[in-house]
Amino acid sequence: MSDDAGIVEKVLADLKTAVGAKGAKAVEVYEFEDNHQQNVKRIEVKTLFELKPVCNVLGVSLVGRDGSSRTKPELADKIVLQLEGLFPIECQDCGDKYRVELGKKPIMRCFLCGQGAHACKFSAEGTRKGSVWICICCWKKNEENTDREDTKDEKEEPLTVKEDETVEGE
């Protein structure tokens, strides 16, 4: 077992303990080897009774920014993001491996996924009011998406048909 896998197991065990028996049912369906969406799908089928303790411990609000109650898929998505934010990650600035511990507040969070930053001298420089930080994982995903967009041969033009025309093959 790798060091990271051992840490992930400990994070999950600590979270199960923190959320109690009800919430543990929502945590135990999480699979580290699976992708984000697969885990969201497994967690979103849990009852609100099982999701609420997990939300409380991970700091996931049951209410969205607009004041409306979040749906179970929205809660599951936020739960997975916050849970994965507790796993080890490499600092994009100093290269150190770190993790944010359950119950600890990071100095800043990724604008896209909520991953916490650690307090190295480089990330501390970016904590000015109004600054936005993006973690290395989101940065890489963004670069991959940008590269894919740049390599598309040509954009498909939308198909427009006038009333008196027919589309080939009809």
N, C-alpha and C. Protein backbone atom coordinates (compact mmCIF):
# COMPACT_ATOMS: atom_id res chain seq x y z
N MET A 1 0.85 -1.18 0.00
CA MET A 1 0.00 0.00 0.00
C MET A 1 0.89 1.24 0.00
N SER A 2 0.60 2.20 -0.88
CA SER A 2 1.39 3.42 -0.94
C SER A 2 1.09 4.30 0.27
N ASP A 3 1.97 5.25 0.52
CA ASP A 3 1.76 6.19 1.63
C ASP A 3 0.45 6.94 1.45
N ASP A 4 0.19 7.39 0.20
CA ASP A 4 -1.04 8.14 -0.07
C ASP A 4 -2.28 7.30 0.20
N ALA A 5 -2.25 6.03 -0.21
CA ALA A 5 -3.40 5.15 0.00
C ALA A 5 -3.65 4.98 1.50
N GLY A 6 -2.59 4.87 2.28
CA GLY A 6 -2.74 4.76 3.73
C GLY A 6 -3.33 6.02 4.34
N ILE A 7 -2.91 7.17 3.82
CA ILE A 7 -3.45 8.45 4.31
C ILE A 7 -4.92 8.57 3.93
N VAL A 8 -5.27 8.18 2.71
CA VAL A 8 -6.66 8.24 2.26
C VAL A 8 -7.53 7.35 3.16
N GLU A 9 -7.06 6.14 3.45
CA GLU A 9 -7.80 5.25 4.35
C GLU A 9 -8.02 5.89 5.72
N LYS A 10 -6.97 6.54 6.23
CA LYS A 10 -7.07 7.20 7.53
C LYS A 10 -8.06 8.37 7.48
N VAL A 11 -8.01 9.15 6.41
CA VAL A 11 -8.94 10.28 6.24
C VAL A 11 -10.37 9.75 6.25
N LEU A 12 -10.63 8.70 5.48
CA LEU A 12 -11.98 8.14 5.42
C LEU A 12 -12.42 7.57 6.76
N ALA A 13 -11.51 6.90 7.46
CA ALA A 13 -11.84 6.35 8.78
C ALA A 13 -12.12 7.47 9.78
N ASP A 14 -11.29 8.52 9.75
CA ASP A 14 -11.50 9.66 10.66
C ASP A 14 -12.83 10.35 10.36
N LEU A 15 -13.15 10.48 9.07
CA LEU A 15 -14.41 11.12 8.70
C LEU A 15 -15.60 10.29 9.14
N LYS A 16 -15.52 8.97 8.97
CA LYS A 16 -16.61 8.09 9.41
C LYS A 16 -16.85 8.23 10.91
N THR A 17 -15.77 8.32 11.66
CA THR A 17 -15.88 8.49 13.11
C THR A 17 -16.53 9.84 13.42
N ALA A 18 -16.09 10.89 12.73
CA ALA A 18 -16.59 12.24 13.00
C ALA A 18 -18.06 12.41 12.65
N VAL A 19 -18.54 11.71 11.62
CA VAL A 19 -19.93 11.89 11.19
C VAL A 19 -20.90 10.95 11.89
N GLY A 20 -20.40 9.96 12.61
CA GLY A 20 -21.27 9.03 13.31
C GLY A 20 -21.83 7.95 12.39
N ALA A 21 -22.62 7.07 12.96
CA ALA A 21 -23.13 5.91 12.23
C ALA A 21 -23.99 6.30 11.03
N LYS A 22 -24.83 7.36 11.19
CA LYS A 22 -25.70 7.76 10.08
C LYS A 22 -24.88 8.25 8.89
N GLY A 23 -23.98 9.17 9.15
CA GLY A 23 -23.17 9.75 8.08
C GLY A 23 -22.17 8.78 7.49
N ALA A 24 -21.73 7.82 8.29
CA ALA A 24 -20.75 6.84 7.81
C ALA A 24 -21.27 6.07 6.61
N LYS A 25 -22.60 5.89 6.53
CA LYS A 25 -23.19 5.18 5.40
C LYS A 25 -22.95 5.93 4.08
N ALA A 26 -22.88 7.25 4.14
CA ALA A 26 -22.61 8.04 2.94
C ALA A 26 -21.12 8.05 2.62
N VAL A 27 -20.28 8.01 3.64
CA VAL A 27 -18.82 8.06 3.43
C VAL A 27 -18.30 6.72 2.92
N GLU A 28 -18.86 5.62 3.40
CA GLU A 28 -18.30 4.30 3.06
C GLU A 28 -18.49 3.92 1.60
N VAL A 29 -19.33 4.61 0.85
CA VAL A 29 -19.50 4.28 -0.57
C VAL A 29 -18.45 4.98 -1.45
N TYR A 30 -17.67 5.88 -0.86
CA TYR A 30 -16.62 6.58 -1.61
C TYR A 30 -15.50 5.59 -1.97
N GLU A 31 -15.07 5.61 -3.23
CA GLU A 31 -13.97 4.76 -3.70
C GLU A 31 -12.87 5.64 -4.26
N PHE A 32 -11.70 5.61 -3.65
CA PHE A 32 -10.57 6.45 -4.05
C PHE A 32 -10.15 6.22 -5.51
N GLU A 33 -10.26 4.99 -5.97
CA GLU A 33 -9.82 4.65 -7.33
C GLU A 33 -10.78 5.17 -8.40
N ASP A 34 -12.01 5.47 -8.03
CA ASP A 34 -13.01 5.93 -8.99
C ASP A 34 -12.93 7.44 -9.21
N ASN A 35 -13.51 7.89 -10.30
CA ASN A 35 -13.47 9.32 -10.59
C ASN A 35 -14.54 10.09 -9.81
N HIS A 36 -14.46 11.37 -9.93
CA HIS A 36 -15.35 12.27 -9.19
C HIS A 36 -16.82 11.94 -9.45
N GLN A 37 -17.22 11.85 -10.71
CA GLN A 37 -18.62 11.62 -11.05
C GLN A 37 -19.14 10.28 -10.55
N GLN A 38 -18.31 9.25 -10.60
CA GLN A 38 -18.74 7.94 -10.10
C GLN A 38 -19.03 8.03 -8.61
N ASN A 39 -18.19 8.73 -7.87
CA ASN A 39 -18.41 8.89 -6.43
C ASN A 39 -19.63 9.75 -6.15
N VAL A 40 -19.83 10.80 -6.92
CA VAL A 40 -21.02 11.64 -6.75
C VAL A 40 -22.28 10.80 -6.94
N LYS A 41 -22.30 9.98 -7.98
CA LYS A 41 -23.47 9.13 -8.26
C LYS A 41 -23.78 8.19 -7.10
N ARG A 42 -22.74 7.62 -6.49
CA ARG A 42 -22.96 6.70 -5.37
C ARG A 42 -23.44 7.44 -4.12
N ILE A 43 -22.94 8.64 -3.90
CA ILE A 43 -23.30 9.39 -2.68
C ILE A 43 -24.67 10.05 -2.80
N GLU A 44 -25.03 10.50 -4.01
CA GLU A 44 -26.29 11.23 -4.16
C GLU A 44 -27.53 10.38 -3.91
N VAL A 45 -27.39 9.06 -3.92
CA VAL A 45 -28.55 8.20 -3.66
C VAL A 45 -28.78 8.00 -2.16
N LYS A 46 -27.88 8.47 -1.35
CA LYS A 46 -28.05 8.37 0.10
C LYS A 46 -29.14 9.33 0.55
N THR A 47 -29.71 9.07 1.71
CA THR A 47 -30.78 9.93 2.22
C THR A 47 -30.20 11.23 2.78
N LEU A 48 -31.03 12.25 2.88
CA LEU A 48 -30.59 13.50 3.50
C LEU A 48 -30.20 13.25 4.95
N PHE A 49 -30.87 12.30 5.59
CA PHE A 49 -30.56 11.90 6.96
C PHE A 49 -29.10 11.44 7.07
N GLU A 50 -28.61 10.76 6.01
CA GLU A 50 -27.22 10.28 5.98
C GLU A 50 -26.26 11.36 5.50
N LEU A 51 -26.71 12.25 4.63
CA LEU A 51 -25.84 13.29 4.06
C LEU A 51 -25.60 14.47 5.01
N LYS A 52 -26.60 14.82 5.81
CA LYS A 52 -26.48 16.01 6.67
C LYS A 52 -25.29 15.97 7.63
N PRO A 53 -25.03 14.85 8.33
CA PRO A 53 -23.86 14.84 9.23
C PRO A 53 -22.55 15.03 8.48
N VAL A 54 -22.47 14.49 7.25
CA VAL A 54 -21.25 14.63 6.44
C VAL A 54 -21.09 16.09 6.04
N CYS A 55 -22.19 16.71 5.63
CA CYS A 55 -22.15 18.13 5.27
C CYS A 55 -21.70 18.97 6.46
N ASN A 56 -22.23 18.69 7.64
CA ASN A 56 -21.86 19.45 8.83
C ASN A 56 -20.37 19.36 9.13
N VAL A 57 -19.83 18.15 9.09
CA VAL A 57 -18.41 17.95 9.42
C VAL A 57 -17.50 18.56 8.36
N LEU A 58 -17.88 18.44 7.07
CA LEU A 58 -17.03 18.94 5.99
C LEU A 58 -17.27 20.43 5.69
N GLY A 59 -18.26 21.02 6.35
CA GLY A 59 -18.53 22.44 6.12
C GLY A 59 -19.26 22.72 4.82
N VAL A 60 -20.06 21.76 4.37
CA VAL A 60 -20.85 21.93 3.15
C VAL A 60 -22.21 22.50 3.55
N SER A 61 -22.54 23.65 2.99
CA SER A 61 -23.82 24.29 3.30
C SER A 61 -24.96 23.55 2.61
N LEU A 62 -26.07 23.41 3.32
CA LEU A 62 -27.25 22.77 2.75
C LEU A 62 -28.01 23.74 1.85
N VAL A 63 -27.58 25.00 1.86
CA VAL A 63 -28.24 26.05 1.10
C VAL A 63 -27.26 26.64 0.10
N GLY A 64 -27.72 26.86 -1.13
CA GLY A 64 -26.88 27.46 -2.16
C GLY A 64 -26.74 28.95 -1.97
N ARG A 65 -25.93 29.58 -2.82
CA ARG A 65 -25.70 31.03 -2.73
C ARG A 65 -26.97 31.84 -2.95
N ASP A 66 -27.90 31.27 -3.71
CA ASP A 66 -29.15 31.99 -3.99
C ASP A 66 -30.18 31.81 -2.87
N GLY A 67 -29.84 31.06 -1.84
CA GLY A 67 -30.74 30.88 -0.70
C GLY A 67 -31.64 29.67 -0.80
N SER A 68 -31.61 28.97 -1.92
CA SER A 68 -32.46 27.79 -2.07
C SER A 68 -31.72 26.55 -1.55
N SER A 69 -32.51 25.56 -1.15
CA SER A 69 -31.92 24.31 -0.65
C SER A 69 -31.19 23.62 -1.79
N ARG A 70 -30.02 23.07 -1.48
CA ARG A 70 -29.27 22.31 -2.48
C ARG A 70 -29.92 20.96 -2.69
N THR A 71 -29.85 20.46 -3.92
CA THR A 71 -30.37 19.13 -4.23
C THR A 71 -29.36 18.09 -3.75
N LYS A 72 -29.79 16.84 -3.70
CA LYS A 72 -28.86 15.77 -3.30
C LYS A 72 -27.67 15.65 -4.25
N PRO A 73 -27.86 15.76 -5.58
CA PRO A 73 -26.68 15.74 -6.46
C PRO A 73 -25.72 16.90 -6.19
N GLU A 74 -26.25 18.07 -5.88
CA GLU A 74 -25.38 19.22 -5.55
C GLU A 74 -24.63 18.96 -4.25
N LEU A 75 -25.32 18.44 -3.25
CA LEU A 75 -24.67 18.12 -1.98
C LEU A 75 -23.61 17.05 -2.18
N ALA A 76 -23.92 16.02 -2.95
CA ALA A 76 -22.95 14.94 -3.19
C ALA A 76 -21.71 15.49 -3.89
N ASP A 77 -21.89 16.37 -4.85
CA ASP A 77 -20.76 16.98 -5.55
C ASP A 77 -19.88 17.75 -4.57
N LYS A 78 -20.48 18.56 -3.73
CA LYS A 78 -19.72 19.35 -2.74
C LYS A 78 -19.04 18.44 -1.73
N ILE A 79 -19.71 17.38 -1.31
CA ILE A 79 -19.12 16.43 -0.37
C ILE A 79 -17.87 15.79 -0.96
N VAL A 80 -17.96 15.33 -2.21
CA VAL A 80 -16.81 14.70 -2.85
C VAL A 80 -15.66 15.70 -2.98
N LEU A 81 -15.96 16.93 -3.39
CA LEU A 81 -14.90 17.95 -3.50
C LEU A 81 -14.22 18.19 -2.16
N GLN A 82 -15.02 18.35 -1.10
CA GLN A 82 -14.44 18.61 0.22
C GLN A 82 -13.67 17.40 0.75
N LEU A 83 -14.19 16.22 0.50
CA LEU A 83 -13.52 14.99 0.93
C LEU A 83 -12.18 14.85 0.22
N GLU A 84 -12.16 15.04 -1.10
CA GLU A 84 -10.92 14.93 -1.86
C GLU A 84 -9.94 16.03 -1.50
N GLY A 85 -10.45 17.13 -0.98
CA GLY A 85 -9.58 18.21 -0.50
C GLY A 85 -8.80 17.84 0.75
N LEU A 86 -9.14 16.72 1.37
CA LEU A 86 -8.42 16.24 2.55
C LEU A 86 -7.31 15.26 2.20
N PHE A 87 -7.23 14.89 0.92
CA PHE A 87 -6.21 13.93 0.47
C PHE A 87 -4.91 14.65 0.14
N PRO A 88 -3.78 13.94 0.16
CA PRO A 88 -2.48 14.56 -0.13
C PRO A 88 -2.44 15.15 -1.55
N ILE A 89 -1.74 16.27 -1.66
CA ILE A 89 -1.58 16.95 -2.94
C ILE A 89 -0.21 17.63 -2.94
N GLU A 90 0.35 17.82 -4.12
CA GLU A 90 1.64 18.49 -4.23
C GLU A 90 1.41 19.99 -4.43
N CYS A 91 2.14 20.79 -3.69
CA CYS A 91 2.05 22.25 -3.82
C CYS A 91 2.64 22.67 -5.16
N GLN A 92 1.88 23.42 -5.91
CA GLN A 92 2.34 23.87 -7.22
C GLN A 92 3.43 24.93 -7.11
N ASP A 93 3.56 25.54 -5.94
CA ASP A 93 4.53 26.62 -5.76
C ASP A 93 5.87 26.12 -5.22
N CYS A 94 5.84 25.30 -4.16
CA CYS A 94 7.10 24.87 -3.54
C CYS A 94 7.44 23.41 -3.82
N GLY A 95 6.45 22.61 -4.32
CA GLY A 95 6.70 21.21 -4.63
C GLY A 95 6.53 20.26 -3.46
N ASP A 96 6.27 20.79 -2.25
CA ASP A 96 6.07 19.92 -1.09
C ASP A 96 4.72 19.21 -1.19
N LYS A 97 4.66 18.01 -0.65
CA LYS A 97 3.41 17.28 -0.56
C LYS A 97 2.78 17.64 0.79
N TYR A 98 1.49 17.94 0.77
CA TYR A 98 0.80 18.32 2.00
C TYR A 98 -0.65 17.88 1.92
N ARG A 99 -1.35 18.02 3.02
CA ARG A 99 -2.80 17.81 3.02
C ARG A 99 -3.40 18.68 4.11
N VAL A 100 -4.63 19.06 3.90
CA VAL A 100 -5.38 19.83 4.89
C VAL A 100 -6.08 18.82 5.78
N GLU A 101 -5.89 18.94 7.08
CA GLU A 101 -6.50 17.97 8.00
C GLU A 101 -7.94 18.32 8.29
N LEU A 102 -8.73 17.29 8.55
CA LEU A 102 -10.14 17.44 8.88
C LEU A 102 -10.29 18.41 10.05
N GLY A 103 -11.14 19.40 9.90
CA GLY A 103 -11.38 20.37 10.95
C GLY A 103 -10.45 21.57 10.93
N LYS A 104 -9.42 21.56 10.09
CA LYS A 104 -8.49 22.68 9.99
C LYS A 104 -8.89 23.57 8.82
N LYS A 105 -8.72 24.87 8.98
CA LYS A 105 -9.06 25.81 7.91
C LYS A 105 -7.79 26.20 7.16
N PRO A 106 -7.75 25.94 5.85
CA PRO A 106 -6.56 26.31 5.07
C PRO A 106 -6.46 27.83 4.91
N ILE A 107 -5.27 28.31 4.52
CA ILE A 107 -5.10 29.76 4.37
C ILE A 107 -5.90 30.31 3.20
N MET A 108 -6.14 29.46 2.19
CA MET A 108 -7.03 29.82 1.07
C MET A 108 -7.47 28.54 0.39
N ARG A 109 -8.53 28.66 -0.41
CA ARG A 109 -9.08 27.50 -1.11
C ARG A 109 -9.08 27.75 -2.61
N CYS A 110 -8.98 26.65 -3.37
CA CYS A 110 -9.05 26.74 -4.82
C CYS A 110 -10.42 27.31 -5.20
N PHE A 111 -10.41 28.28 -6.09
CA PHE A 111 -11.63 28.93 -6.55
C PHE A 111 -12.58 27.94 -7.24
N LEU A 112 -12.04 26.89 -7.85
CA LEU A 112 -12.86 25.96 -8.62
C LEU A 112 -13.31 24.73 -7.82
N CYS A 113 -12.40 24.11 -7.07
CA CYS A 113 -12.77 22.85 -6.41
C CYS A 113 -12.79 22.92 -4.88
N GLY A 114 -12.21 23.95 -4.31
CA GLY A 114 -12.21 24.08 -2.85
C GLY A 114 -11.02 23.47 -2.16
N GLN A 115 -10.06 22.89 -2.92
CA GLN A 115 -8.84 22.32 -2.32
C GLN A 115 -8.14 23.40 -1.51
N GLY A 116 -7.69 23.06 -0.32
CA GLY A 116 -6.99 24.01 0.53
C GLY A 116 -5.52 24.14 0.18
N ALA A 117 -4.98 25.34 0.36
CA ALA A 117 -3.55 25.57 0.16
C ALA A 117 -2.85 25.45 1.51
N HIS A 118 -1.57 25.12 1.48
CA HIS A 118 -0.83 25.08 2.73
C HIS A 118 -0.05 26.39 2.86
N ALA A 119 0.57 26.57 3.98
CA ALA A 119 1.20 27.85 4.29
C ALA A 119 2.68 27.88 3.93
N CYS A 120 3.02 27.66 2.65
CA CYS A 120 4.41 27.83 2.25
C CYS A 120 4.63 29.31 1.93
N LYS A 121 5.89 29.71 1.79
CA LYS A 121 6.17 31.12 1.57
C LYS A 121 5.58 31.63 0.26
N PHE A 122 5.42 30.75 -0.74
CA PHE A 122 4.90 31.19 -2.03
C PHE A 122 3.39 31.40 -1.98
N SER A 123 2.67 30.46 -1.39
CA SER A 123 1.22 30.60 -1.35
C SER A 123 0.80 31.71 -0.39
N ALA A 124 1.60 31.96 0.63
CA ALA A 124 1.29 33.05 1.56
C ALA A 124 1.33 34.41 0.85
N GLU A 125 2.15 34.51 -0.21
CA GLU A 125 2.22 35.76 -0.96
C GLU A 125 0.93 36.05 -1.72
N GLY A 126 0.18 35.01 -2.07
CA GLY A 126 -1.03 35.17 -2.86
C GLY A 126 -2.29 35.33 -2.05
N THR A 127 -2.19 35.62 -0.78
CA THR A 127 -3.37 35.69 0.07
C THR A 127 -3.91 37.11 0.24
N ARG A 128 -3.54 37.99 -0.65
CA ARG A 128 -4.06 39.36 -0.57
C ARG A 128 -5.57 39.35 -0.80
N LYS A 129 -6.23 40.28 -0.18
CA LYS A 129 -7.68 40.38 -0.32
C LYS A 129 -8.05 40.53 -1.80
N GLY A 130 -9.00 39.72 -2.24
CA GLY A 130 -9.45 39.77 -3.62
C GLY A 130 -8.70 38.86 -4.57
N SER A 131 -7.63 38.21 -4.08
CA SER A 131 -6.89 37.32 -4.97
C SER A 131 -7.62 35.98 -5.09
N VAL A 132 -7.42 35.33 -6.21
CA VAL A 132 -8.05 34.04 -6.48
C VAL A 132 -6.94 33.04 -6.70
N TRP A 133 -7.06 31.87 -6.05
CA TRP A 133 -6.06 30.83 -6.18
C TRP A 133 -6.70 29.62 -6.86
N ILE A 134 -5.96 28.98 -7.76
CA ILE A 134 -6.41 27.76 -8.42
C ILE A 134 -5.37 26.68 -8.15
N CYS A 135 -5.81 25.54 -7.63
CA CYS A 135 -4.89 24.45 -7.30
C CYS A 135 -4.29 23.83 -8.56
N ILE A 136 -3.24 23.06 -8.38
CA ILE A 136 -2.52 22.45 -9.50
C ILE A 136 -3.41 21.49 -10.30
N CYS A 137 -4.29 20.76 -9.63
CA CYS A 137 -5.16 19.81 -10.34
C CYS A 137 -6.11 20.56 -11.29
N CYS A 138 -6.73 21.62 -10.80
CA CYS A 138 -7.64 22.40 -11.65
C CYS A 138 -6.86 23.13 -12.75
N TRP A 139 -5.67 23.59 -12.41
CA TRP A 139 -4.82 24.26 -13.40
C TRP A 139 -4.50 23.31 -14.56
N LYS A 140 -4.12 22.06 -14.21
CA LYS A 140 -3.78 21.07 -15.24
C LYS A 140 -5.01 20.72 -16.08
N LYS A 141 -6.16 20.53 -15.41
CA LYS A 141 -7.39 20.22 -16.15
C LYS A 141 -7.72 21.34 -17.12
N ASN A 142 -7.56 22.58 -16.68
CA ASN A 142 -7.83 23.73 -17.53
C ASN A 142 -6.88 23.75 -18.73
N GLU A 143 -5.60 23.46 -18.49
CA GLU A 143 -4.63 23.43 -19.59
C GLU A 143 -4.96 22.32 -20.58
N GLU A 144 -5.37 21.15 -20.08
CA GLU A 144 -5.75 20.04 -20.97
C GLU A 144 -6.94 20.44 -21.84
N ASN A 145 -7.94 21.07 -21.23
CA ASN A 145 -9.12 21.50 -21.99
C ASN A 145 -8.74 22.56 -23.02
N THR A 146 -7.84 23.47 -22.65
CA THR A 146 -7.40 24.51 -23.58
C THR A 146 -6.65 23.88 -24.74
N ASP A 147 -5.77 22.91 -24.44
CA ASP A 147 -5.03 22.21 -25.50
C ASP A 147 -5.97 21.50 -26.45
N ARG A 148 -7.02 20.85 -25.92
CA ARG A 148 -7.99 20.16 -26.77
C ARG A 148 -8.72 21.14 -27.67
N GLU A 149 -9.08 22.29 -27.15
CA GLU A 149 -9.77 23.31 -27.95
C GLU A 149 -8.87 23.80 -29.07
N ASP A 150 -7.56 23.97 -28.77
CA ASP A 150 -6.62 24.47 -29.76
C ASP A 150 -6.37 23.47 -30.89
N THR A 151 -6.56 22.16 -30.63
CA THR A 151 -6.25 21.15 -31.63
C THR A 151 -7.44 20.75 -32.48
N LYS A 152 -8.60 21.30 -32.22
CA LYS A 152 -9.76 20.99 -33.05
C LYS A 152 -9.49 21.52 -34.46
N ASP A 153 -9.74 20.67 -35.46
CA ASP A 153 -9.46 21.06 -36.84
C ASP A 153 -10.22 22.30 -37.26
N GLU A 154 -11.49 22.21 -37.25
CA GLU A 154 -12.30 23.38 -37.57
C GLU A 154 -13.63 23.22 -36.87
N LYS A 155 -14.18 24.36 -36.50
CA LYS A 155 -15.46 24.31 -35.82
C LYS A 155 -16.56 23.95 -36.80
N GLU A 156 -17.47 23.13 -36.34
CA GLU A 156 -18.60 22.79 -37.19
C GLU A 156 -19.56 23.97 -37.20
N GLU A 157 -20.00 24.32 -38.39
CA GLU A 157 -20.99 25.38 -38.52
C GLU A 157 -22.35 24.79 -38.18
N PRO A 158 -23.18 25.54 -37.50
CA PRO A 158 -24.51 25.01 -37.20
C PRO A 158 -25.30 24.81 -38.50
N LEU A 159 -26.10 23.77 -38.52
CA LEU A 159 -26.90 23.45 -39.69
C LEU A 159 -28.11 24.37 -39.71
N THR A 160 -28.25 25.11 -40.79
CA THR A 160 -29.43 25.97 -40.93
C THR A 160 -30.15 25.55 -42.20
N VAL A 161 -31.43 25.39 -42.10
CA VAL A 161 -32.25 24.98 -43.23
C VAL A 161 -33.38 25.98 -43.37
N LYS A 162 -33.53 26.51 -44.61
CA LYS A 162 -34.65 27.41 -44.87
C LYS A 162 -35.90 26.57 -45.08
N GLU A 163 -37.04 27.22 -44.97
CA GLU A 163 -38.32 26.51 -45.07
C GLU A 163 -38.47 25.71 -46.35
N ASP A 164 -37.96 26.23 -47.46
CA ASP A 164 -38.18 25.57 -48.75
C ASP A 164 -37.05 24.61 -49.13
N GLU A 165 -36.08 24.38 -48.21
CA GLU A 165 -34.97 23.48 -48.49
C GLU A 165 -35.15 22.16 -47.77
N THR A 166 -34.48 21.13 -48.26
CA THR A 166 -34.44 19.84 -47.56
C THR A 166 -32.99 19.53 -47.22
N VAL A 167 -32.82 18.74 -46.20
CA VAL A 167 -31.49 18.33 -45.77
C VAL A 167 -31.16 17.05 -46.52
N GLU A 168 -29.89 16.93 -47.02
CA GLU A 168 -29.48 15.74 -47.74
C GLU A 168 -29.71 14.50 -46.89
N GLY A 169 -30.18 13.46 -47.52
CA GLY A 169 -30.41 12.20 -46.82
C GLY A 169 -31.83 12.06 -46.34
N GLU A 170 -32.66 13.07 -46.49
CA GLU A 170 -34.06 12.96 -46.05
C GLU A 170 -34.91 12.32 -47.11
